[in-house]
Amino acid sequence: MKHIPYSAIIACSLMLIPSCKPEEEEINLDITVENICGHWVEKQVTFDNRTYDSDGSSTYDFRADGTFHYTNLDEAAYDGTWKLEGTVLTKTYEDGTGTINGKYDIDKLTDRTLILSQKGGASTTYKRK
């Protein structure tokens, strides 16, 4: 009977172990205009203590000049303005029936995640694209 060297057994065993790259931690960011600017894709909505995954069809492009562009495959796209006051983001836009002013608390801002919530309303999680 042939003897297999231990080093060969160890080498074969290591090849069977799946390669796992640990997920990098998100980096918390200061809530500033510069850190909010960019393309954000809706990933999750929480309402009445229920969380729903989003299909990613809703997106925001927040620009440094205080404008934004919103798109949703189910609805018409629109443009508007936004401003930041402390940890409150205010969006202003026309929806066909009048001017809408939405105020959102910024619950979380990292290099990859933005969570906006309305008092007594939904909380929405966006991922940076």
N, C-alpha and C. Protein backbone atom coordinates (compact mmCIF):
# COMPACT_ATOMS: atom_id res chain seq x y z
N MET A 1 0.84 -1.17 0.00
CA MET A 1 0.00 0.00 0.00
C MET A 1 0.89 1.24 0.00
N LYS A 2 0.54 2.19 -0.83
CA LYS A 2 1.34 3.39 -0.93
C LYS A 2 0.96 4.35 0.17
N HIS A 3 1.93 5.11 0.61
CA HIS A 3 1.69 6.14 1.62
C HIS A 3 1.63 7.50 0.94
N ILE A 4 0.60 8.24 1.26
CA ILE A 4 0.44 9.58 0.70
C ILE A 4 1.05 10.56 1.69
N PRO A 5 1.93 11.40 1.23
CA PRO A 5 2.55 12.36 2.15
C PRO A 5 1.49 13.29 2.76
N TYR A 6 1.73 13.61 4.03
CA TYR A 6 0.78 14.49 4.73
C TYR A 6 0.64 15.84 4.04
N SER A 7 1.69 16.34 3.47
CA SER A 7 1.62 17.65 2.81
C SER A 7 0.65 17.59 1.63
N ALA A 8 0.58 16.46 0.94
CA ALA A 8 -0.35 16.32 -0.19
C ALA A 8 -1.79 16.29 0.33
N ILE A 9 -2.02 15.63 1.46
CA ILE A 9 -3.36 15.57 2.04
C ILE A 9 -3.80 16.97 2.48
N ILE A 10 -2.90 17.69 3.11
CA ILE A 10 -3.22 19.04 3.58
C ILE A 10 -3.50 19.95 2.39
N ALA A 11 -2.69 19.86 1.35
CA ALA A 11 -2.88 20.70 0.17
C ALA A 11 -4.24 20.42 -0.47
N CYS A 12 -4.61 19.16 -0.58
CA CYS A 12 -5.92 18.81 -1.16
C CYS A 12 -7.05 19.29 -0.27
N SER A 13 -6.87 19.18 1.04
CA SER A 13 -7.91 19.63 1.97
C SER A 13 -8.13 21.12 1.87
N LEU A 14 -7.07 21.88 1.72
CA LEU A 14 -7.19 23.34 1.62
C LEU A 14 -7.93 23.74 0.35
N MET A 15 -7.80 22.96 -0.71
CA MET A 15 -8.51 23.28 -1.94
C MET A 15 -10.01 23.06 -1.79
N LEU A 16 -10.41 22.24 -0.86
CA LEU A 16 -11.83 21.96 -0.65
C LEU A 16 -12.51 23.02 0.20
N ILE A 17 -11.74 23.81 0.93
CA ILE A 17 -12.32 24.86 1.77
C ILE A 17 -12.72 26.02 0.86
N PRO A 18 -13.98 26.44 0.92
CA PRO A 18 -14.40 27.54 0.04
C PRO A 18 -13.68 28.83 0.37
N SER A 19 -13.43 29.57 -0.67
CA SER A 19 -12.79 30.87 -0.49
C SER A 19 -13.84 31.88 -0.10
N CYS A 20 -13.66 32.50 1.04
CA CYS A 20 -14.61 33.49 1.54
C CYS A 20 -13.90 34.81 1.75
N LYS A 21 -14.40 35.82 1.09
CA LYS A 21 -13.85 37.15 1.30
C LYS A 21 -14.76 37.84 2.31
N PRO A 22 -14.21 38.23 3.44
CA PRO A 22 -15.07 38.88 4.43
C PRO A 22 -15.61 40.20 3.87
N GLU A 23 -16.88 40.47 4.19
CA GLU A 23 -17.49 41.72 3.73
C GLU A 23 -16.87 42.88 4.48
N GLU A 24 -16.52 43.89 3.72
CA GLU A 24 -15.92 45.06 4.33
C GLU A 24 -16.96 45.83 5.12
N GLU A 25 -16.55 46.39 6.24
CA GLU A 25 -17.46 47.18 7.04
C GLU A 25 -17.76 48.50 6.34
N GLU A 26 -18.98 48.97 6.53
CA GLU A 26 -19.35 50.26 6.00
C GLU A 26 -18.68 51.35 6.84
N ILE A 27 -18.38 52.46 6.21
CA ILE A 27 -17.73 53.57 6.90
C ILE A 27 -18.77 54.65 7.14
N ASN A 28 -18.99 54.99 8.41
CA ASN A 28 -19.93 56.06 8.75
C ASN A 28 -19.39 57.38 8.22
N LEU A 29 -20.29 58.18 7.66
CA LEU A 29 -19.91 59.47 7.11
C LEU A 29 -20.61 60.60 7.85
N ASP A 30 -19.98 61.75 7.87
CA ASP A 30 -20.64 62.95 8.39
C ASP A 30 -21.79 63.28 7.44
N ILE A 31 -22.85 63.84 7.99
CA ILE A 31 -24.00 64.21 7.17
C ILE A 31 -23.71 65.58 6.57
N THR A 32 -23.22 65.55 5.33
CA THR A 32 -22.90 66.76 4.58
C THR A 32 -23.45 66.63 3.17
N VAL A 33 -23.57 67.75 2.49
CA VAL A 33 -24.03 67.75 1.10
C VAL A 33 -23.12 66.87 0.25
N GLU A 34 -21.82 67.01 0.44
CA GLU A 34 -20.86 66.24 -0.36
C GLU A 34 -21.04 64.74 -0.18
N ASN A 35 -21.33 64.30 1.04
CA ASN A 35 -21.46 62.87 1.29
C ASN A 35 -22.80 62.30 0.84
N ILE A 36 -23.80 63.14 0.67
CA ILE A 36 -25.10 62.67 0.20
C ILE A 36 -25.15 62.63 -1.32
N CYS A 37 -24.42 63.52 -1.97
CA CYS A 37 -24.44 63.59 -3.43
C CYS A 37 -24.07 62.24 -4.03
N GLY A 38 -24.79 61.88 -5.08
CA GLY A 38 -24.50 60.64 -5.79
C GLY A 38 -25.77 59.93 -6.19
N HIS A 39 -25.60 58.74 -6.71
CA HIS A 39 -26.70 57.91 -7.22
C HIS A 39 -27.08 56.88 -6.15
N TRP A 40 -28.35 56.89 -5.73
CA TRP A 40 -28.84 56.01 -4.68
C TRP A 40 -29.99 55.16 -5.21
N VAL A 41 -29.96 53.87 -4.90
CA VAL A 41 -30.97 52.92 -5.36
C VAL A 41 -31.75 52.40 -4.15
N GLU A 42 -33.08 52.47 -4.24
CA GLU A 42 -33.93 51.99 -3.13
C GLU A 42 -33.78 50.47 -2.99
N LYS A 43 -33.54 50.02 -1.76
CA LYS A 43 -33.37 48.59 -1.49
C LYS A 43 -34.41 48.03 -0.54
N GLN A 44 -34.93 48.87 0.36
CA GLN A 44 -35.83 48.36 1.39
C GLN A 44 -36.71 49.48 1.92
N VAL A 45 -37.97 49.14 2.23
CA VAL A 45 -38.89 50.10 2.84
C VAL A 45 -39.47 49.45 4.08
N THR A 46 -39.48 50.19 5.19
CA THR A 46 -40.08 49.71 6.44
C THR A 46 -41.26 50.61 6.77
N PHE A 47 -42.42 49.99 6.97
CA PHE A 47 -43.64 50.72 7.29
C PHE A 47 -44.49 49.86 8.22
N ASP A 48 -45.01 50.46 9.28
CA ASP A 48 -45.82 49.73 10.26
C ASP A 48 -45.11 48.48 10.77
N ASN A 49 -43.83 48.62 11.08
CA ASN A 49 -42.99 47.53 11.61
C ASN A 49 -42.86 46.35 10.66
N ARG A 50 -43.11 46.56 9.39
CA ARG A 50 -42.90 45.53 8.38
C ARG A 50 -41.88 46.04 7.38
N THR A 51 -40.97 45.16 7.00
CA THR A 51 -39.92 45.53 6.06
C THR A 51 -40.16 44.81 4.74
N TYR A 52 -40.08 45.60 3.66
CA TYR A 52 -40.30 45.07 2.32
C TYR A 52 -39.06 45.34 1.48
N ASP A 53 -38.60 44.30 0.77
CA ASP A 53 -37.48 44.48 -0.14
C ASP A 53 -37.97 45.19 -1.39
N SER A 54 -37.13 46.05 -1.92
CA SER A 54 -37.46 46.79 -3.13
C SER A 54 -36.80 46.12 -4.32
N ASP A 55 -37.38 46.32 -5.50
CA ASP A 55 -36.80 45.74 -6.70
C ASP A 55 -35.70 46.61 -7.30
N GLY A 56 -35.40 47.74 -6.65
CA GLY A 56 -34.33 48.60 -7.12
C GLY A 56 -34.70 49.51 -8.27
N SER A 57 -36.01 49.60 -8.56
CA SER A 57 -36.42 50.43 -9.70
C SER A 57 -36.53 51.91 -9.35
N SER A 58 -36.51 52.25 -8.06
CA SER A 58 -36.56 53.66 -7.65
C SER A 58 -35.16 54.15 -7.34
N THR A 59 -34.79 55.26 -7.96
CA THR A 59 -33.44 55.80 -7.75
C THR A 59 -33.49 57.32 -7.57
N TYR A 60 -32.50 57.82 -6.87
CA TYR A 60 -32.30 59.26 -6.71
C TYR A 60 -30.88 59.59 -7.14
N ASP A 61 -30.75 60.70 -7.83
CA ASP A 61 -29.45 61.29 -8.10
C ASP A 61 -29.45 62.65 -7.41
N PHE A 62 -28.74 62.74 -6.29
CA PHE A 62 -28.61 64.00 -5.57
C PHE A 62 -27.37 64.71 -6.08
N ARG A 63 -27.54 65.96 -6.51
CA ARG A 63 -26.44 66.72 -7.09
C ARG A 63 -25.99 67.84 -6.14
N ALA A 64 -24.73 68.22 -6.28
CA ALA A 64 -24.14 69.23 -5.39
C ALA A 64 -24.76 70.61 -5.56
N ASP A 65 -25.42 70.86 -6.70
CA ASP A 65 -26.04 72.17 -6.93
C ASP A 65 -27.42 72.29 -6.28
N GLY A 66 -27.81 71.27 -5.49
CA GLY A 66 -29.09 71.32 -4.79
C GLY A 66 -30.26 70.80 -5.60
N THR A 67 -29.99 70.14 -6.71
CA THR A 67 -31.06 69.53 -7.51
C THR A 67 -30.98 68.02 -7.38
N PHE A 68 -32.09 67.36 -7.72
CA PHE A 68 -32.09 65.90 -7.75
C PHE A 68 -32.94 65.43 -8.91
N HIS A 69 -32.71 64.20 -9.31
CA HIS A 69 -33.53 63.53 -10.32
C HIS A 69 -33.99 62.21 -9.74
N TYR A 70 -35.29 61.96 -9.80
CA TYR A 70 -35.88 60.73 -9.28
C TYR A 70 -36.43 59.93 -10.45
N THR A 71 -36.19 58.63 -10.44
CA THR A 71 -36.79 57.76 -11.44
C THR A 71 -37.40 56.55 -10.76
N ASN A 72 -38.48 56.09 -11.33
CA ASN A 72 -39.17 54.88 -10.88
C ASN A 72 -39.79 54.27 -12.11
N LEU A 73 -39.52 53.00 -12.34
CA LEU A 73 -40.03 52.36 -13.55
C LEU A 73 -41.55 52.31 -13.58
N ASP A 74 -42.19 52.37 -12.41
CA ASP A 74 -43.65 52.30 -12.36
C ASP A 74 -44.32 53.65 -12.51
N GLU A 75 -43.58 54.74 -12.33
CA GLU A 75 -44.15 56.09 -12.35
C GLU A 75 -43.28 56.99 -13.22
N ALA A 76 -43.78 58.19 -13.45
CA ALA A 76 -43.00 59.15 -14.21
C ALA A 76 -41.82 59.64 -13.37
N ALA A 77 -40.74 59.96 -14.03
CA ALA A 77 -39.58 60.54 -13.37
C ALA A 77 -39.85 62.01 -13.11
N TYR A 78 -39.17 62.58 -12.13
CA TYR A 78 -39.30 64.01 -11.89
C TYR A 78 -38.00 64.57 -11.34
N ASP A 79 -37.89 65.89 -11.48
CA ASP A 79 -36.74 66.62 -10.97
C ASP A 79 -37.21 67.55 -9.88
N GLY A 80 -36.30 67.90 -9.00
CA GLY A 80 -36.65 68.82 -7.92
C GLY A 80 -35.40 69.39 -7.30
N THR A 81 -35.59 70.04 -6.16
CA THR A 81 -34.47 70.59 -5.41
C THR A 81 -34.43 69.93 -4.04
N TRP A 82 -33.26 69.98 -3.44
CA TRP A 82 -33.10 69.43 -2.10
C TRP A 82 -32.16 70.31 -1.30
N LYS A 83 -32.35 70.27 0.01
CA LYS A 83 -31.44 71.00 0.89
C LYS A 83 -31.26 70.19 2.17
N LEU A 84 -30.17 70.47 2.82
CA LEU A 84 -29.81 69.77 4.04
C LEU A 84 -29.73 70.78 5.17
N GLU A 85 -30.46 70.50 6.25
CA GLU A 85 -30.41 71.32 7.46
C GLU A 85 -30.18 70.39 8.63
N GLY A 86 -28.93 70.35 9.10
CA GLY A 86 -28.57 69.41 10.16
C GLY A 86 -28.69 67.99 9.64
N THR A 87 -29.59 67.21 10.25
CA THR A 87 -29.80 65.84 9.81
C THR A 87 -31.14 65.68 9.10
N VAL A 88 -31.70 66.80 8.62
CA VAL A 88 -32.98 66.76 7.90
C VAL A 88 -32.75 67.12 6.44
N LEU A 89 -33.21 66.24 5.56
CA LEU A 89 -33.12 66.46 4.12
C LEU A 89 -34.53 66.84 3.64
N THR A 90 -34.64 67.98 2.96
CA THR A 90 -35.93 68.43 2.44
C THR A 90 -35.89 68.37 0.92
N LYS A 91 -36.89 67.69 0.33
CA LYS A 91 -37.02 67.61 -1.12
C LYS A 91 -38.24 68.43 -1.52
N THR A 92 -38.10 69.21 -2.59
CA THR A 92 -39.20 70.00 -3.13
C THR A 92 -39.33 69.67 -4.61
N TYR A 93 -40.56 69.35 -5.02
CA TYR A 93 -40.79 69.00 -6.43
C TYR A 93 -42.28 69.17 -6.76
N GLU A 94 -42.57 69.18 -8.05
CA GLU A 94 -43.95 69.26 -8.54
C GLU A 94 -44.41 67.86 -8.90
N ASP A 95 -45.63 67.51 -8.47
CA ASP A 95 -46.15 66.18 -8.81
C ASP A 95 -47.35 66.22 -9.74
N GLY A 96 -47.63 67.36 -10.33
CA GLY A 96 -48.78 67.48 -11.22
C GLY A 96 -50.00 68.05 -10.52
N THR A 97 -50.05 67.93 -9.21
CA THR A 97 -51.17 68.50 -8.44
C THR A 97 -50.73 69.69 -7.62
N GLY A 98 -49.43 69.94 -7.57
CA GLY A 98 -48.91 71.05 -6.79
C GLY A 98 -47.49 70.78 -6.33
N THR A 99 -47.00 71.67 -5.49
CA THR A 99 -45.64 71.55 -4.97
C THR A 99 -45.63 70.67 -3.73
N ILE A 100 -44.73 69.73 -3.72
CA ILE A 100 -44.55 68.81 -2.59
C ILE A 100 -43.27 69.18 -1.87
N ASN A 101 -43.34 69.33 -0.55
CA ASN A 101 -42.16 69.54 0.29
C ASN A 101 -42.08 68.37 1.26
N GLY A 102 -41.16 67.48 1.02
CA GLY A 102 -40.99 66.31 1.89
C GLY A 102 -39.78 66.48 2.78
N LYS A 103 -39.98 66.30 4.08
CA LYS A 103 -38.88 66.37 5.04
C LYS A 103 -38.56 64.97 5.52
N TYR A 104 -37.28 64.63 5.51
CA TYR A 104 -36.82 63.30 5.88
C TYR A 104 -35.68 63.40 6.88
N ASP A 105 -35.76 62.63 7.94
CA ASP A 105 -34.64 62.50 8.88
C ASP A 105 -33.63 61.54 8.28
N ILE A 106 -32.37 61.88 8.37
CA ILE A 106 -31.31 60.99 7.91
C ILE A 106 -30.92 60.14 9.11
N ASP A 107 -31.37 58.88 9.10
CA ASP A 107 -31.09 57.97 10.20
C ASP A 107 -29.71 57.34 10.12
N LYS A 108 -29.21 57.20 8.89
CA LYS A 108 -27.90 56.57 8.71
C LYS A 108 -27.30 57.04 7.40
N LEU A 109 -26.00 57.34 7.42
CA LEU A 109 -25.27 57.67 6.21
C LEU A 109 -23.89 57.04 6.30
N THR A 110 -23.64 56.12 5.39
CA THR A 110 -22.32 55.50 5.30
C THR A 110 -21.84 55.65 3.86
N ASP A 111 -20.69 55.07 3.58
CA ASP A 111 -20.18 55.12 2.22
C ASP A 111 -21.04 54.32 1.25
N ARG A 112 -21.94 53.44 1.77
CA ARG A 112 -22.79 52.62 0.91
C ARG A 112 -24.27 52.69 1.21
N THR A 113 -24.68 53.25 2.34
CA THR A 113 -26.07 53.21 2.76
C THR A 113 -26.58 54.58 3.19
N LEU A 114 -27.81 54.88 2.78
CA LEU A 114 -28.52 56.08 3.20
C LEU A 114 -29.91 55.64 3.66
N ILE A 115 -30.27 55.95 4.90
CA ILE A 115 -31.60 55.61 5.41
C ILE A 115 -32.32 56.91 5.73
N LEU A 116 -33.46 57.12 5.06
CA LEU A 116 -34.29 58.30 5.25
C LEU A 116 -35.60 57.86 5.89
N SER A 117 -36.10 58.65 6.84
CA SER A 117 -37.39 58.32 7.45
C SER A 117 -38.21 59.59 7.64
N GLN A 118 -39.52 59.40 7.66
CA GLN A 118 -40.44 60.48 7.93
C GLN A 118 -41.10 60.21 9.27
N LYS A 119 -41.34 61.25 10.02
CA LYS A 119 -41.98 61.08 11.33
C LYS A 119 -43.35 60.40 11.15
N GLY A 120 -43.54 59.29 11.84
CA GLY A 120 -44.80 58.57 11.76
C GLY A 120 -45.02 57.87 10.43
N GLY A 121 -43.99 57.80 9.60
CA GLY A 121 -44.14 57.20 8.28
C GLY A 121 -43.12 56.13 8.01
N ALA A 122 -42.84 55.97 6.75
CA ALA A 122 -41.94 54.92 6.30
C ALA A 122 -40.48 55.31 6.48
N SER A 123 -39.65 54.30 6.55
CA SER A 123 -38.21 54.43 6.55
C SER A 123 -37.72 53.71 5.30
N THR A 124 -36.87 54.37 4.52
CA THR A 124 -36.41 53.79 3.27
C THR A 124 -34.90 53.69 3.27
N THR A 125 -34.39 52.52 2.87
CA THR A 125 -32.96 52.27 2.79
C THR A 125 -32.53 52.32 1.33
N TYR A 126 -31.51 53.12 1.07
CA TYR A 126 -30.92 53.25 -0.26
C TYR A 126 -29.49 52.77 -0.21
N LYS A 127 -29.04 52.20 -1.32
CA LYS A 127 -27.64 51.80 -1.46
C LYS A 127 -27.00 52.65 -2.55
N ARG A 128 -25.78 53.07 -2.29
CA ARG A 128 -25.04 53.88 -3.27
C ARG A 128 -24.66 53.00 -4.44
N LYS A 129 -24.85 53.54 -5.62
CA LYS A 129 -24.48 52.78 -6.82
C LYS A 129 -23.26 53.39 -7.44
